[in-house]
Amino acid sequence: MQPPVLVTAPTARVVELSAMKAHLRVDYDDEDTLITALEAAAVAHFDGWRGIMGRAIMPQTWSQEFSGWGRHKLLLPDASGVSAVGILDGVESPVIETDIEVSTTIGGQYVTVSGGDADAVRITYETALPAEQLPAVQMAVKLLVGHWYENREAATETALSAAPMAVQALIAPLRLVTV
């Protein structure tokens, strides 16, 4: 199994600049570039299969390649819009929709695919955090950016303190736990 590959990045921001500036109590534009960079870094810390949450926050498309047909575990949960192609001697052939079955268990989300001759199968899917969980991530991003904004230098005593405990409290229930 290959690691997932990001096909289409999210187009929406997790926290809009105006909301981030309101949280930071910044009412001028001089630091927009810094605030935007801090927000992007916080989102990168949480988002995707390499992020600490192990799942996508905003809508995005990923693909995973597996050797052959069968039941394959997706490394990112909350999959929808699943499609697949069989690959034989480097040539791709689409899998018909009726040969794709998505199932969710305690151990994760699985896709079972079948079809004709193939050396490999590539599964492509859309994923995003359920809407009811997004406010917790938005607040965690705001808190982390606020911490970084106030403690910009790594060599100060304050900057050496841990990020706010509330960030971990907000993110912990949303983390993907694999069995």
Protein backbone atom coordinates (compact mmCIF):
# COMPACT_ATOMS: atom_id res chain seq x y z
CA MET A 1 0.00 0.00 0.00
CA GLN A 2 1.26 3.40 -0.98
CA PRO A 3 0.65 6.45 1.23
CA PRO A 4 -2.27 8.64 0.17
CA VAL A 5 -1.61 11.39 -2.36
CA LEU A 6 -3.39 14.73 -2.25
CA VAL A 7 -5.19 15.19 -5.59
CA THR A 8 -7.15 18.37 -4.92
CA ALA A 9 -6.28 20.68 -2.04
CA PRO A 10 -8.97 22.44 -0.03
CA THR A 11 -10.15 25.70 -1.55
CA ALA A 12 -11.68 27.16 1.62
CA ARG A 13 -9.73 28.36 4.65
CA VAL A 14 -10.39 26.77 8.01
CA VAL A 15 -10.53 30.22 9.63
CA GLU A 16 -11.06 33.33 7.52
CA LEU A 17 -8.54 36.14 7.98
CA SER A 18 -11.19 38.51 9.38
CA ALA A 19 -12.21 35.97 12.04
CA MET A 20 -8.56 35.28 12.91
CA LYS A 21 -7.83 39.00 13.26
CA ALA A 22 -10.91 39.44 15.46
CA HIS A 23 -9.68 36.60 17.70
CA LEU A 24 -6.22 38.20 17.90
CA ARG A 25 -7.75 41.66 18.43
CA VAL A 26 -5.85 43.03 15.43
CA ASP A 27 -7.66 45.82 13.60
CA TYR A 28 -4.96 46.84 11.13
CA ASP A 29 -3.63 45.18 7.97
CA ASP A 30 0.14 45.36 8.64
CA GLU A 31 0.34 41.79 9.97
CA ASP A 32 -2.02 40.06 7.51
CA THR A 33 0.83 38.14 5.88
CA LEU A 34 2.12 36.87 9.23
CA ILE A 35 -1.36 35.93 10.46
CA THR A 36 -2.13 34.11 7.21
CA ALA A 37 1.17 32.19 7.45
CA LEU A 38 0.50 31.23 11.07
CA GLU A 39 -3.01 30.02 10.19
CA ALA A 40 -1.61 27.94 7.31
CA ALA A 41 1.02 26.40 9.61
CA ALA A 42 -1.59 25.55 12.26
CA VAL A 43 -3.86 23.93 9.67
CA ALA A 44 -0.92 21.95 8.23
CA HIS A 45 -0.14 20.76 11.77
CA PHE A 46 -3.67 19.34 12.15
CA ASP A 47 -4.78 18.43 8.60
CA GLY A 48 -4.38 15.43 6.31
CA TRP A 49 -3.05 11.97 6.90
CA ARG A 50 0.30 13.34 8.16
CA GLY A 51 -1.35 15.92 10.44
CA ILE A 52 -1.87 15.14 14.12
CA MET A 53 -5.59 14.61 13.53
CA GLY A 54 -4.99 12.04 10.79
CA ARG A 55 -7.97 13.30 8.81
CA ALA A 56 -8.98 16.06 6.43
CA ILE A 57 -10.51 19.23 7.82
CA MET A 58 -11.91 21.02 4.76
CA PRO A 59 -13.18 19.23 1.61
CA GLN A 60 -10.30 17.76 -0.40
CA THR A 61 -9.60 14.82 -2.70
CA TRP A 62 -7.06 12.06 -2.02
CA SER A 63 -6.03 8.86 -3.78
CA GLN A 64 -4.42 5.65 -2.59
CA GLU A 65 -2.90 2.89 -4.68
CA PHE A 66 -3.08 -0.76 -3.71
CA SER A 67 -1.79 -3.97 -5.26
CA GLY A 68 -4.76 -5.74 -6.80
CA TRP A 69 -8.45 -6.02 -6.08
CA GLY A 70 -9.98 -6.68 -2.70
CA ARG A 71 -10.80 -4.92 0.55
CA HIS A 72 -8.54 -1.94 1.22
CA LYS A 73 -8.37 0.38 4.22
CA LEU A 74 -8.47 4.10 3.50
CA LEU A 75 -5.98 6.05 5.58
CA LEU A 76 -8.31 9.05 5.82
CA PRO A 77 -11.84 8.66 7.21
CA ASP A 78 -15.06 10.40 6.18
CA ALA A 79 -14.73 9.29 2.54
CA SER A 80 -17.37 10.05 -0.04
CA GLY A 81 -17.49 10.21 -3.83
CA VAL A 82 -15.33 7.08 -4.07
CA SER A 83 -14.09 6.03 -7.51
CA ALA A 84 -11.48 3.52 -8.63
CA VAL A 85 -9.36 2.55 -11.61
CA GLY A 86 -7.71 -0.76 -12.29
CA ILE A 87 -4.14 -0.56 -13.61
CA LEU A 88 -2.74 -3.29 -15.87
CA ASP A 89 0.67 -2.83 -17.52
CA GLY A 90 0.48 0.92 -16.84
CA VAL A 91 -2.92 1.31 -18.52
CA GLU A 92 -5.82 2.57 -16.40
CA SER A 93 -9.39 1.35 -16.81
CA PRO A 94 -12.26 2.78 -14.74
CA VAL A 95 -14.07 0.49 -12.33
CA ILE A 96 -17.84 0.53 -12.72
CA GLU A 97 -19.68 1.95 -9.74
CA THR A 98 -21.41 -1.33 -8.88
CA ASP A 99 -18.01 -2.95 -8.27
CA ILE A 100 -17.17 -0.48 -5.45
CA GLU A 101 -18.42 -1.02 -1.91
CA VAL A 102 -17.62 1.34 0.97
CA SER A 103 -17.92 0.11 4.56
CA THR A 104 -17.12 1.66 7.90
CA THR A 105 -16.14 -0.34 10.97
CA ILE A 106 -14.58 0.48 14.32
CA GLY A 107 -11.20 -0.19 12.69
CA GLY A 108 -11.68 2.39 9.94
CA GLN A 109 -13.20 2.89 6.54
CA TYR A 110 -12.73 0.26 3.85
CA VAL A 111 -13.36 0.10 0.11
CA THR A 112 -13.88 -3.24 -1.59
CA VAL A 113 -13.25 -3.12 -5.33
CA SER A 114 -13.48 -5.79 -7.99
CA GLY A 115 -13.04 -5.86 -11.72
CA GLY A 116 -11.11 -7.40 -14.60
CA ASP A 117 -7.40 -8.05 -14.83
CA ALA A 118 -5.29 -5.53 -12.90
CA ASP A 119 -1.88 -5.33 -11.26
CA ALA A 120 -3.00 -2.47 -9.03
CA VAL A 121 -6.00 -0.39 -8.14
CA ARG A 122 -6.11 3.35 -7.41
CA ILE A 123 -8.95 4.54 -5.20
CA THR A 124 -9.82 8.23 -5.25
CA TYR A 125 -12.12 9.79 -2.69
CA GLU A 126 -13.28 13.08 -1.26
CA THR A 127 -12.98 13.64 2.45
CA ALA A 128 -13.76 16.37 4.96
CA LEU A 129 -14.48 16.70 8.63
CA PRO A 130 -18.21 16.45 9.44
CA ALA A 131 -19.70 19.95 9.70
CA GLU A 132 -20.64 19.54 13.37
CA GLN A 133 -16.96 18.96 14.26
CA LEU A 134 -15.57 21.94 12.35
CA PRO A 135 -16.14 24.56 15.11
CA ALA A 136 -13.81 22.66 17.49
CA VAL A 137 -11.02 22.66 14.89
CA GLN A 138 -11.60 26.32 14.07
CA MET A 139 -11.23 27.23 17.74
CA ALA A 140 -8.12 25.05 18.09
CA VAL A 141 -6.55 26.81 15.08
CA LYS A 142 -7.40 30.22 16.57
CA LEU A 143 -5.91 29.28 19.94
CA LEU A 144 -2.72 27.88 18.41
CA VAL A 145 -2.27 30.89 16.12
CA GLY A 146 -2.90 33.19 19.10
CA HIS A 147 -0.19 31.38 21.06
CA TRP A 148 2.29 31.63 18.18
CA TYR A 149 1.35 35.26 17.48
CA GLU A 150 2.02 36.29 21.08
CA ASN A 151 5.18 34.13 21.41
CA ARG A 152 7.03 34.67 18.15
CA GLU A 153 10.54 33.87 19.30
CA ALA A 154 11.63 30.36 20.27
CA ALA A 155 14.31 31.60 22.68
CA THR A 156 12.10 33.38 25.21
CA GLU A 157 10.92 31.82 28.46
CA THR A 158 7.27 32.36 27.52
CA ALA A 159 7.73 30.80 24.07
CA LEU A 160 9.10 27.64 25.64
CA SER A 161 5.78 27.00 27.35
CA ALA A 162 3.45 24.46 25.79
CA ALA A 163 0.66 25.46 23.47
CA PRO A 164 -2.62 26.06 25.27
CA MET A 165 -4.07 22.90 26.80
CA ALA A 166 -7.39 23.83 25.22
CA VAL A 167 -5.91 23.04 21.78
CA GLN A 168 -5.28 19.43 22.81
CA ALA A 169 -8.67 19.22 24.52
CA LEU A 170 -10.44 20.35 21.35
CA ILE A 171 -8.48 18.11 18.98
CA ALA A 172 -8.21 14.89 21.02
CA PRO A 173 -11.77 13.63 20.36
CA LEU A 174 -11.38 14.29 16.63
CA ARG A 175 -8.13 12.38 16.12
CA LEU A 176 -8.29 9.30 13.96
CA VAL A 177 -7.55 6.30 16.11
CA THR A 178 -6.58 3.19 14.20
CA VAL A 179 -6.95 -0.28 15.60
